[in-house]
């Protein structure tokens, strides 16, 4: 199940400004991390595993197909772009951590990189909120949202912020 992807490398490239010649070696781990780390925290372990199983069994239909195509893929697009920014020009080698430079291109400054990363995070948060609202409005179509065992990662359908900081306030579950 670790190699099942809910969004493709081609979808990421076709719907963003990511260069077509960007190596899959960089994109695929970013997709896997975005799914496993970020998406699973939002939709919960049970729904996440059910989606992966449906993809493997080629049994994605109805609400599940709608969820993946219209919500999850768009969320993952911007989450991947946000996560991959730091790794595109920095490589870990046996010489240490190095930054790629080319005489015909100029890398952006660290401030510009942070601004771009925040822009992608903002868009990921927007699509996250859309996905959460869809799941809240259609929760009866996704029984996995309520089926999780007590030790499983539960869904978080009430906060789309990509920060781990909670400022207090009402955090009710469905």
C-alpha atoms as a PDB file:
ATOM      1  CA  UNK A   1       0.000   0.000   0.000  1.00  0.00           C
ATOM      2  CA  UNK A   2       2.991   2.281   0.478  1.00  0.00           C
ATOM      3  CA  UNK A   3       3.377   2.665  -3.299  1.00  0.00           C
ATOM      4  CA  UNK A   4      -0.266   3.508  -4.021  1.00  0.00           C
ATOM      5  CA  UNK A   5      -0.551   7.135  -5.080  1.00  0.00           C
ATOM      6  CA  UNK A   6      -3.786   9.135  -5.145  1.00  0.00           C
ATOM      7  CA  UNK A   7      -2.318  11.722  -7.500  1.00  0.00           C
ATOM      8  CA  UNK A   8       0.081  11.195 -10.377  1.00  0.00           C
ATOM      9  CA  UNK A   9       3.320  12.883 -11.262  1.00  0.00           C
ATOM     10  CA  UNK A  10       1.767  13.911 -14.591  1.00  0.00           C
ATOM     11  CA  UNK A  11      -1.211  15.548 -12.806  1.00  0.00           C
ATOM     12  CA  UNK A  12       1.209  17.589 -10.703  1.00  0.00           C
ATOM     13  CA  UNK A  13       3.187  18.712 -13.755  1.00  0.00           C
ATOM     14  CA  UNK A  14       0.147  19.406 -15.956  1.00  0.00           C
ATOM     15  CA  UNK A  15      -1.622  21.548 -13.349  1.00  0.00           C
ATOM     16  CA  UNK A  16       1.264  23.554 -11.954  1.00  0.00           C
ATOM     17  CA  UNK A  17       4.324  25.503 -12.945  1.00  0.00           C
ATOM     18  CA  UNK A  18       6.572  22.547 -12.035  1.00  0.00           C
ATOM     19  CA  UNK A  19       8.913  21.920 -14.939  1.00  0.00           C
ATOM     20  CA  UNK A  20       8.167  18.912 -17.127  1.00  0.00           C
ATOM     21  CA  UNK A  21      11.766  17.786 -16.792  1.00  0.00           C
ATOM     22  CA  UNK A  22      11.666  17.622 -12.969  1.00  0.00           C
ATOM     23  CA  UNK A  23      12.777  14.149 -11.932  1.00  0.00           C
ATOM     24  CA  UNK A  24      10.195  11.722 -10.673  1.00  0.00           C
ATOM     25  CA  UNK A  25      12.814  10.785  -8.095  1.00  0.00           C
ATOM     26  CA  UNK A  26      12.017  14.120  -6.416  1.00  0.00           C
ATOM     27  CA  UNK A  27       8.276  14.212  -7.044  1.00  0.00           C
ATOM     28  CA  UNK A  28       7.240  10.697  -6.016  1.00  0.00           C
ATOM     29  CA  UNK A  29       8.585  10.881  -2.437  1.00  0.00           C
ATOM     30  CA  UNK A  30       6.906  14.289  -2.080  1.00  0.00           C
ATOM     31  CA  UNK A  31       3.585  12.768  -3.182  1.00  0.00           C
ATOM     32  CA  UNK A  32       4.007   9.829  -0.817  1.00  0.00           C
ATOM     33  CA  UNK A  33       4.844  12.147   2.095  1.00  0.00           C
ATOM     34  CA  UNK A  34       1.957  14.518   1.312  1.00  0.00           C
ATOM     35  CA  UNK A  35      -0.449  11.570   1.343  1.00  0.00           C
ATOM     36  CA  UNK A  36       0.931   9.742   4.338  1.00  0.00           C
ATOM     37  CA  UNK A  37       1.752  12.690   6.561  1.00  0.00           C
ATOM     38  CA  UNK A  38      -0.753  15.393   5.638  1.00  0.00           C
ATOM     39  CA  UNK A  39      -3.754  13.799   3.924  1.00  0.00           C
ATOM     40  CA  UNK A  40      -4.022  10.912   6.387  1.00  0.00           C
ATOM     41  CA  UNK A  41      -4.187  13.405   9.276  1.00  0.00           C
ATOM     42  CA  UNK A  42      -7.112  15.153   7.607  1.00  0.00           C
ATOM     43  CA  UNK A  43      -9.285  12.264   6.446  1.00  0.00           C
ATOM     44  CA  UNK A  44      -8.253   9.748   9.111  1.00  0.00           C
ATOM     45  CA  UNK A  45      -6.535   6.405   8.897  1.00  0.00           C
ATOM     46  CA  UNK A  46      -9.656   4.342   8.113  1.00  0.00           C
ATOM     47  CA  UNK A  47     -10.849   6.409   5.150  1.00  0.00           C
ATOM     48  CA  UNK A  48      -7.262   6.776   3.924  1.00  0.00           C
ATOM     49  CA  UNK A  49      -6.700   3.008   3.960  1.00  0.00           C
ATOM     50  CA  UNK A  50     -10.105   2.397   2.353  1.00  0.00           C
ATOM     51  CA  UNK A  51      -9.194   4.756  -0.506  1.00  0.00           C
ATOM     52  CA  UNK A  52      -5.851   3.020  -1.065  1.00  0.00           C
ATOM     53  CA  UNK A  53      -7.579  -0.373  -1.086  1.00  0.00           C
ATOM     54  CA  UNK A  54     -10.179   0.851  -3.583  1.00  0.00           C
ATOM     55  CA  UNK A  55      -7.433   2.168  -5.871  1.00  0.00           C
ATOM     56  CA  UNK A  56      -5.507  -1.128  -5.696  1.00  0.00           C
ATOM     57  CA  UNK A  57      -8.664  -3.131  -6.402  1.00  0.00           C
ATOM     58  CA  UNK A  58      -9.695  -0.696  -9.171  1.00  0.00           C
ATOM     59  CA  UNK A  59     -12.982  -0.181  -7.331  1.00  0.00           C
ATOM     60  CA  UNK A  60     -13.115   3.611  -7.107  1.00  0.00           C
ATOM     61  CA  UNK A  61     -16.619   4.815  -7.900  1.00  0.00           C
ATOM     62  CA  UNK A  62     -19.330   7.270  -6.921  1.00  0.00           C
ATOM     63  CA  UNK A  63     -18.507   9.480  -3.927  1.00  0.00           C
ATOM     64  CA  UNK A  64     -15.015   7.996  -3.549  1.00  0.00           C
ATOM     65  CA  UNK A  65     -14.138   8.892  -7.129  1.00  0.00           C
ATOM     66  CA  UNK A  66     -15.545  12.379  -6.629  1.00  0.00           C
ATOM     67  CA  UNK A  67     -13.528  12.769  -3.423  1.00  0.00           C
ATOM     68  CA  UNK A  68     -10.274  11.727  -5.082  1.00  0.00           C
ATOM     69  CA  UNK A  69     -10.650  13.575  -8.389  1.00  0.00           C
ATOM     70  CA  UNK A  70     -12.225  16.818  -7.218  1.00  0.00           C
ATOM     71  CA  UNK A  71     -10.777  17.253  -3.749  1.00  0.00           C
ATOM     72  CA  UNK A  72      -7.834  15.044  -2.792  1.00  0.00           C
ATOM     73  CA  UNK A  73      -5.837  15.466  -6.014  1.00  0.00           C
ATOM     74  CA  UNK A  74      -6.099  19.259  -5.881  1.00  0.00           C
ATOM     75  CA  UNK A  75      -5.129  19.321  -2.223  1.00  0.00           C
ATOM     76  CA  UNK A  76      -2.146  17.034  -2.886  1.00  0.00           C
ATOM     77  CA  UNK A  77      -1.057  19.148  -5.854  1.00  0.00           C
ATOM     78  CA  UNK A  78      -0.408  22.200  -3.693  1.00  0.00           C
ATOM     79  CA  UNK A  79       0.824  20.214  -0.698  1.00  0.00           C
ATOM     80  CA  UNK A  80       3.430  18.532  -2.921  1.00  0.00           C
ATOM     81  CA  UNK A  81       4.497  21.861  -4.431  1.00  0.00           C
ATOM     82  CA  UNK A  82       4.881  23.359  -0.978  1.00  0.00           C
ATOM     83  CA  UNK A  83       6.898  20.407   0.275  1.00  0.00           C
ATOM     84  CA  UNK A  84       9.129  19.983  -2.776  1.00  0.00           C
ATOM     85  CA  UNK A  85      10.332  23.592  -2.968  1.00  0.00           C
ATOM     86  CA  UNK A  86      13.093  23.090  -0.426  1.00  0.00           C
ATOM     87  CA  UNK A  87      14.469  20.035  -2.206  1.00  0.00           C
ATOM     88  CA  UNK A  88      14.590  21.163  -5.828  1.00  0.00           C
ATOM     89  CA  UNK A  89      17.904  22.973  -5.679  1.00  0.00           C
ATOM     90  CA  UNK A  90      19.448  21.386  -2.588  1.00  0.00           C
ATOM     91  CA  UNK A  91      20.946  17.901  -2.776  1.00  0.00           C
ATOM     92  CA  UNK A  92      22.399  15.621  -0.145  1.00  0.00           C
ATOM     93  CA  UNK A  93      25.580  14.098  -1.540  1.00  0.00           C
ATOM     94  CA  UNK A  94      28.670  12.362  -0.235  1.00  0.00           C
ATOM     95  CA  UNK A  95      30.273  15.825  -0.394  1.00  0.00           C
ATOM     96  CA  UNK A  96      27.657  17.235   1.964  1.00  0.00           C
ATOM     97  CA  UNK A  97      24.586  19.342   1.392  1.00  0.00           C
ATOM     98  CA  UNK A  98      25.038  21.246  -1.864  1.00  0.00           C
ATOM     99  CA  UNK A  99      23.019  23.773  -3.843  1.00  0.00           C
ATOM    100  CA  UNK A 100      22.770  23.363  -7.601  1.00  0.00           C
ATOM    101  CA  UNK A 101      23.783  26.362  -9.668  1.00  0.00           C
ATOM    102  CA  UNK A 102      23.763  26.785 -13.411  1.00  0.00           C
ATOM    103  CA  UNK A 103      25.296  29.586 -15.401  1.00  0.00           C
ATOM    104  CA  UNK A 104      22.067  30.101 -17.368  1.00  0.00           C
ATOM    105  CA  UNK A 105      19.576  30.206 -14.520  1.00  0.00           C
ATOM    106  CA  UNK A 106      19.520  32.079 -11.246  1.00  0.00           C
ATOM    107  CA  UNK A 107      18.026  30.593  -8.083  1.00  0.00           C
ATOM    108  CA  UNK A 108      15.534  32.674  -6.143  1.00  0.00           C
ATOM    109  CA  UNK A 109      16.454  34.132  -2.788  1.00  0.00           C
ATOM    110  CA  UNK A 110      15.558  32.453   0.483  1.00  0.00           C
ATOM    111  CA  UNK A 111      12.916  35.137   1.133  1.00  0.00           C
ATOM    112  CA  UNK A 112      11.317  34.511  -2.270  1.00  0.00           C
ATOM    113  CA  UNK A 113      11.379  30.747  -1.647  1.00  0.00           C
ATOM    114  CA  UNK A 114       9.613  31.206   1.710  1.00  0.00           C
ATOM    115  CA  UNK A 115       7.013  33.472   0.096  1.00  0.00           C
ATOM    116  CA  UNK A 116       6.387  30.919  -2.676  1.00  0.00           C
ATOM    117  CA  UNK A 117       6.169  28.078  -0.154  1.00  0.00           C
ATOM    118  CA  UNK A 118       3.594  30.026   1.873  1.00  0.00           C
ATOM    119  CA  UNK A 119       1.620  30.718  -1.298  1.00  0.00           C
ATOM    120  CA  UNK A 120       1.411  26.985  -2.032  1.00  0.00           C
ATOM    121  CA  UNK A 121       0.543  26.232   1.614  1.00  0.00           C
ATOM    122  CA  UNK A 122      -2.263  28.806   1.436  1.00  0.00           C
ATOM    123  CA  UNK A 123      -3.659  27.088  -1.660  1.00  0.00           C
ATOM    124  CA  UNK A 124      -3.273  23.648  -0.051  1.00  0.00           C
ATOM    125  CA  UNK A 125      -5.190  24.926   2.997  1.00  0.00           C
ATOM    126  CA  UNK A 126      -7.955  26.213   0.701  1.00  0.00           C
ATOM    127  CA  UNK A 127      -8.311  22.847  -1.025  1.00  0.00           C
ATOM    128  CA  UNK A 128      -8.059  21.093   2.323  1.00  0.00           C
ATOM    129  CA  UNK A 129     -11.004  23.110   3.616  1.00  0.00           C
ATOM    130  CA  UNK A 130     -13.019  22.308   0.469  1.00  0.00           C
ATOM    131  CA  UNK A 131     -12.294  18.603   0.990  1.00  0.00           C
ATOM    132  CA  UNK A 132     -13.244  18.769   4.670  1.00  0.00           C
ATOM    133  CA  UNK A 133     -16.500  20.555   3.828  1.00  0.00           C
ATOM    134  CA  UNK A 134     -17.305  17.925   1.195  1.00  0.00           C
ATOM    135  CA  UNK A 135     -16.703  15.145   3.719  1.00  0.00           C
ATOM    136  CA  UNK A 136     -18.778  16.890   6.388  1.00  0.00           C
ATOM    137  CA  UNK A 137     -21.639  17.416   3.919  1.00  0.00           C
ATOM    138  CA  UNK A 138     -21.461  13.802   2.706  1.00  0.00           C
ATOM    139  CA  UNK A 139     -20.342  11.964   5.848  1.00  0.00           C
ATOM    140  CA  UNK A 140     -23.037   9.288   5.475  1.00  0.00           C
ATOM    141  CA  UNK A 141     -21.452   8.239   2.149  1.00  0.00           C
ATOM    142  CA  UNK A 142     -18.128   7.611   3.922  1.00  0.00           C
ATOM    143  CA  UNK A 143     -18.772   5.219   6.827  1.00  0.00           C
ATOM    144  CA  UNK A 144     -15.010   4.940   7.383  1.00  0.00           C
ATOM    145  CA  UNK A 145     -15.096   8.354   9.069  1.00  0.00           C
ATOM    146  CA  UNK A 146     -16.873   6.790  12.067  1.00  0.00           C
ATOM    147  CA  UNK A 147     -15.538   3.227  11.925  1.00  0.00           C
ATOM    148  CA  UNK A 148     -12.014   3.824  13.206  1.00  0.00           C
ATOM    149  CA  UNK A 149     -10.789   1.912  16.213  1.00  0.00           C
ATOM    150  CA  UNK A 150      -9.837   3.965  19.219  1.00  0.00           C
ATOM    151  CA  UNK A 151      -6.112   3.594  18.474  1.00  0.00           C
ATOM    152  CA  UNK A 152      -6.392   4.667  14.814  1.00  0.00           C
ATOM    153  CA  UNK A 153      -5.659   8.161  13.534  1.00  0.00           C
ATOM    154  CA  UNK A 154      -9.031   9.895  13.394  1.00  0.00           C
ATOM    155  CA  UNK A 155     -10.102  12.436  10.824  1.00  0.00           C
ATOM    156  CA  UNK A 156      -9.706  16.154  11.418  1.00  0.00           C
ATOM    157  CA  UNK A 157     -12.499  17.818   9.499  1.00  0.00           C
ATOM    158  CA  UNK A 158     -12.560  21.022  11.510  1.00  0.00           C
ATOM    159  CA  UNK A 159      -9.206  22.717  10.941  1.00  0.00           C
ATOM    160  CA  UNK A 160      -7.624  23.369   7.552  1.00  0.00           C
ATOM    161  CA  UNK A 161      -4.672  25.355   8.857  1.00  0.00           C
ATOM    162  CA  UNK A 162      -1.305  23.837   8.019  1.00  0.00           C
ATOM    163  CA  UNK A 163       0.197  25.075  11.256  1.00  0.00           C
ATOM    164  CA  UNK A 164       0.472  22.890  14.323  1.00  0.00           C
ATOM    165  CA  UNK A 165      -0.364  25.847  16.545  1.00  0.00           C
ATOM    166  CA  UNK A 166      -3.810  25.816  18.154  1.00  0.00           C
ATOM    167  CA  UNK A 167      -4.971  29.149  19.551  1.00  0.00           C
ATOM    168  CA  UNK A 168      -7.843  27.741  21.537  1.00  0.00           C
ATOM    169  CA  UNK A 169     -11.506  27.966  20.878  1.00  0.00           C
ATOM    170  CA  UNK A 170     -14.222  25.538  19.992  1.00  0.00           C
ATOM    171  CA  UNK A 171     -13.031  22.331  18.262  1.00  0.00           C
ATOM    172  CA  UNK A 172     -16.121  20.185  17.991  1.00  0.00           C
ATOM    173  CA  UNK A 173     -16.255  16.967  16.030  1.00  0.00           C
ATOM    174  CA  UNK A 174     -19.113  16.212  13.700  1.00  0.00           C
END
